[in-house]
């Protein structure tokens, strides 16, 4: 397998965690989204029509979008399963992962922040305020979900799931942007627990071959 990835992309980070948890070997093909490599004509035409990272190549099969990739990996390499089969557990995990992937990430990703700067001409202070606002909105919801259902040490029980795979990169990004996360102790406890797990550690941005300090 091959993974088209950028070290600091939280969506790529999710897939790297999933691959590591499942013990799957893959080659990293770096795509530098900071300089627009994800928009290159060859990449869009032959790898990922959504012009984004990550993209997984498994033989002749190519797939973009991190949640679709993780679901595919769960179907083709089901151990350990990241999206539970039991209906209630599955629903809770997907609910939590959707909060991260639909409510927080889309409004704070690189292309949105660049649009704020280049097209709407917001100041650096306004861009930071935007980022921190949507982190606070989303993380408050995540914390309430864990208050309702968290049994620890992971988001939903004794094993990591798609919920943890989604949460950890989002917290890493928020910390990188100097967001105050002290109001979300359950989320932070999961993050700290995950940081000690070899699969989560191996997927960290600073351990990737395309890492830029």
Protein backbone atom coordinates (compact mmCIF):
# COMPACT_ATOMS: atom_id res chain seq x y z
CA UNK A 1 0.00 0.00 0.00
CA UNK A 2 0.93 3.62 -0.52
CA UNK A 3 -0.27 6.64 1.42
CA UNK A 4 -0.17 10.09 -0.14
CA UNK A 5 0.20 12.18 2.97
CA UNK A 6 1.38 15.46 4.45
CA UNK A 7 3.04 15.28 7.84
CA UNK A 8 0.98 18.06 9.40
CA UNK A 9 -2.39 17.16 7.88
CA UNK A 10 -4.73 15.94 10.60
CA UNK A 11 -6.67 13.84 8.09
CA UNK A 12 -3.44 12.12 7.00
CA UNK A 13 -2.58 11.72 10.67
CA UNK A 14 -5.85 9.83 11.22
CA UNK A 15 -5.06 7.33 8.49
CA UNK A 16 -1.47 6.86 9.70
CA UNK A 17 -2.82 5.98 13.15
CA UNK A 18 -5.28 3.48 11.67
CA UNK A 19 -2.58 1.82 9.55
CA UNK A 20 -0.27 1.62 12.55
CA UNK A 21 -2.96 0.16 14.81
CA UNK A 22 -3.62 -2.53 12.23
CA UNK A 23 0.08 -3.20 11.73
CA UNK A 24 -0.11 -2.54 8.00
CA UNK A 25 3.04 -1.69 6.08
CA UNK A 26 2.87 1.14 3.57
CA UNK A 27 5.04 3.57 1.66
CA UNK A 28 4.62 7.28 2.34
CA UNK A 29 4.38 9.49 -0.72
CA UNK A 30 4.64 13.07 0.55
CA UNK A 31 2.30 15.72 -0.85
CA UNK A 32 3.21 19.21 0.34
CA UNK A 33 -0.11 20.99 0.65
CA UNK A 34 1.61 24.19 1.76
CA UNK A 35 2.96 24.70 -1.76
CA UNK A 36 -0.08 23.28 -3.55
CA UNK A 37 1.17 19.87 -4.61
CA UNK A 38 -2.29 18.45 -3.89
CA UNK A 39 -3.64 20.61 -6.72
CA UNK A 40 -1.17 19.39 -9.32
CA UNK A 41 -2.99 18.18 -12.43
CA UNK A 42 -1.40 14.72 -12.40
CA UNK A 43 -2.24 14.16 -8.74
CA UNK A 44 -5.87 15.23 -9.18
CA UNK A 45 -6.32 13.21 -12.36
CA UNK A 46 -4.55 10.04 -11.31
CA UNK A 47 -4.63 9.86 -7.51
CA UNK A 48 -7.24 11.96 -5.72
CA UNK A 49 -9.97 13.86 -7.61
CA UNK A 50 -10.85 15.84 -4.49
CA UNK A 51 -7.40 17.51 -4.64
CA UNK A 52 -6.60 16.76 -1.04
CA UNK A 53 -4.72 14.45 1.27
CA UNK A 54 -4.72 11.71 2.29
CA UNK A 55 -5.08 9.24 -0.54
CA UNK A 56 -4.58 5.49 -0.16
CA UNK A 57 -3.41 3.30 -3.03
CA UNK A 58 -4.01 -0.41 -2.54
CA UNK A 59 -3.07 -2.22 -5.73
CA UNK A 60 -5.23 -0.72 -8.46
CA UNK A 61 -7.65 0.80 -5.95
CA UNK A 62 -7.29 4.49 -5.03
CA UNK A 63 -9.30 6.16 -2.31
CA UNK A 64 -9.39 9.61 -0.73
CA UNK A 65 -11.12 11.00 2.38
CA UNK A 66 -9.81 9.78 5.71
CA UNK A 67 -13.03 8.30 7.10
CA UNK A 68 -13.71 6.38 3.89
CA UNK A 69 -10.13 5.07 3.96
CA UNK A 70 -10.44 3.94 7.58
CA UNK A 71 -13.75 2.24 6.87
CA UNK A 72 -12.12 0.46 3.90
CA UNK A 73 -9.24 -0.66 6.12
CA UNK A 74 -11.73 -1.93 8.69
CA UNK A 75 -13.46 -4.00 6.01
CA UNK A 76 -10.28 -5.39 4.44
CA UNK A 77 -8.20 -5.74 7.62
CA UNK A 78 -10.77 -5.98 10.43
CA UNK A 79 -8.40 -6.54 13.35
CA UNK A 80 -8.34 -4.51 15.43
CA UNK A 81 -11.70 -3.09 14.44
CA UNK A 82 -11.92 0.69 14.72
CA UNK A 83 -15.61 1.09 13.88
CA UNK A 84 -17.60 -1.27 16.11
CA UNK A 85 -20.18 -3.64 14.68
CA UNK A 86 -22.61 -3.47 17.61
CA UNK A 87 -25.19 -0.83 16.64
CA UNK A 88 -25.11 1.42 19.72
CA UNK A 89 -21.32 1.36 20.06
CA UNK A 90 -20.96 1.99 16.32
CA UNK A 91 -23.35 4.92 16.48
CA UNK A 92 -21.54 6.53 19.42
CA UNK A 93 -18.13 6.20 17.75
CA UNK A 94 -19.42 7.61 14.45
CA UNK A 95 -21.22 10.42 16.26
CA UNK A 96 -18.00 11.47 17.99
CA UNK A 97 -15.83 11.10 14.89
CA UNK A 98 -18.33 13.12 12.87
CA UNK A 99 -18.16 15.96 15.39
CA UNK A 100 -14.42 16.18 14.79
CA UNK A 101 -14.47 15.61 11.04
CA UNK A 102 -17.58 17.63 10.17
CA UNK A 103 -17.88 20.38 12.78
CA UNK A 104 -14.28 21.28 13.71
CA UNK A 105 -11.87 20.31 10.96
CA UNK A 106 -13.60 21.75 7.85
CA UNK A 107 -13.71 25.32 9.17
CA UNK A 108 -10.12 25.29 10.42
CA UNK A 109 -8.19 23.50 7.70
CA UNK A 110 -5.42 25.12 5.69
CA UNK A 111 -7.47 26.16 2.67
CA UNK A 112 -10.08 27.89 4.83
CA UNK A 113 -7.46 29.74 6.86
CA UNK A 114 -5.70 30.82 3.67
CA UNK A 115 -8.98 32.04 2.19
CA UNK A 116 -9.56 34.13 5.29
CA UNK A 117 -6.14 35.70 4.81
CA UNK A 118 -5.92 36.12 1.06
CA UNK A 119 -9.53 36.78 0.04
CA UNK A 120 -11.19 38.24 3.11
CA UNK A 121 -8.02 40.01 4.29
CA UNK A 122 -8.48 39.20 7.95
CA UNK A 123 -5.67 40.10 10.32
CA UNK A 124 -3.51 37.43 11.97
CA UNK A 125 -5.33 38.19 15.21
CA UNK A 126 -8.72 37.68 13.58
CA UNK A 127 -7.59 34.41 12.00
CA UNK A 128 -6.41 33.16 15.38
CA UNK A 129 -9.70 34.21 16.98
CA UNK A 130 -11.58 32.31 14.24
CA UNK A 131 -9.54 29.17 14.82
CA UNK A 132 -9.88 29.24 18.60
CA UNK A 133 -13.61 29.94 18.43
CA UNK A 134 -14.34 26.82 16.38
CA UNK A 135 -12.00 24.71 18.49
CA UNK A 136 -13.88 25.82 21.62
CA UNK A 137 -17.27 25.15 20.02
CA UNK A 138 -16.33 21.68 18.85
CA UNK A 139 -14.27 20.56 21.81
CA UNK A 140 -17.04 21.55 24.22
CA UNK A 141 -19.32 19.17 22.38
CA UNK A 142 -16.69 16.43 22.38
CA UNK A 143 -16.20 16.84 26.11
CA UNK A 144 -19.94 16.56 26.73
CA UNK A 145 -20.10 13.39 24.65
CA UNK A 146 -17.34 11.86 26.75
CA UNK A 147 -19.07 12.97 29.96
CA UNK A 148 -22.11 11.00 28.81
CA UNK A 149 -20.38 7.87 27.55
CA UNK A 150 -16.67 7.77 28.43
CA UNK A 151 -15.57 4.69 30.34
CA UNK A 152 -11.84 5.22 29.71
CA UNK A 153 -9.04 5.06 29.11
CA UNK A 154 -10.04 5.59 25.46
CA UNK A 155 -13.01 7.58 24.26
CA UNK A 156 -15.33 4.58 24.42
CA UNK A 157 -13.91 1.81 26.52
CA UNK A 158 -10.77 -0.29 26.72
CA UNK A 159 -9.69 -0.20 23.07
CA UNK A 160 -9.00 2.63 20.61
CA UNK A 161 -11.64 3.31 17.98
CA UNK A 162 -12.24 5.77 15.18
CA UNK A 163 -13.20 8.26 17.89
CA UNK A 164 -9.67 8.29 19.29
CA UNK A 165 -8.16 8.22 15.81
CA UNK A 166 -10.12 11.40 15.07
CA UNK A 167 -9.61 13.16 18.41
CA UNK A 168 -5.84 12.87 18.78
CA UNK A 169 -4.86 14.74 15.57
CA UNK A 170 -7.41 17.45 16.31
CA UNK A 171 -6.00 18.04 19.77
CA UNK A 172 -2.47 18.01 18.38
CA UNK A 173 -3.46 20.76 15.94
CA UNK A 174 -5.18 22.78 18.64
CA UNK A 175 -2.12 22.58 20.88
CA UNK A 176 0.10 23.63 17.97
CA UNK A 177 -2.13 26.69 17.57
CA UNK A 178 -1.82 27.49 21.31
CA UNK A 179 -5.49 26.87 22.08
CA UNK A 180 -6.43 26.61 25.73
CA UNK A 181 -7.83 23.11 26.19
CA UNK A 182 -8.00 23.08 29.97
CA UNK A 183 -11.80 23.04 29.89
CA UNK A 184 -11.78 19.58 28.25
CA UNK A 185 -10.09 17.26 30.78
CA UNK A 186 -11.65 14.03 29.49
CA UNK A 187 -10.48 14.74 25.96
CA UNK A 188 -7.01 15.63 27.21
CA UNK A 189 -6.86 12.43 29.29
CA UNK A 190 -7.56 10.38 26.16
CA UNK A 191 -4.91 12.35 24.27
CA UNK A 192 -2.30 11.75 26.97
CA UNK A 193 -3.15 8.05 27.13
CA UNK A 194 -2.91 7.73 23.36
CA UNK A 195 0.46 9.47 23.27
CA UNK A 196 1.93 6.48 25.13
CA UNK A 197 0.61 3.96 22.60
CA UNK A 198 3.20 2.89 19.98
CA UNK A 199 0.80 3.20 17.03
CA UNK A 200 -0.25 6.72 17.94
CA UNK A 201 3.37 7.69 18.60
CA UNK A 202 4.54 6.31 15.25
CA UNK A 203 1.93 8.38 13.41
CA UNK A 204 2.95 11.70 14.97
CA UNK A 205 3.86 14.45 12.51
CA UNK A 206 7.43 14.82 13.74
CA UNK A 207 8.10 11.16 12.95
CA UNK A 208 7.14 11.39 9.28
CA UNK A 209 9.69 11.38 6.46
CA UNK A 210 8.41 14.72 5.11
CA UNK A 211 8.49 16.49 8.49
CA UNK A 212 9.42 20.16 8.29
CA UNK A 213 10.57 21.70 11.57
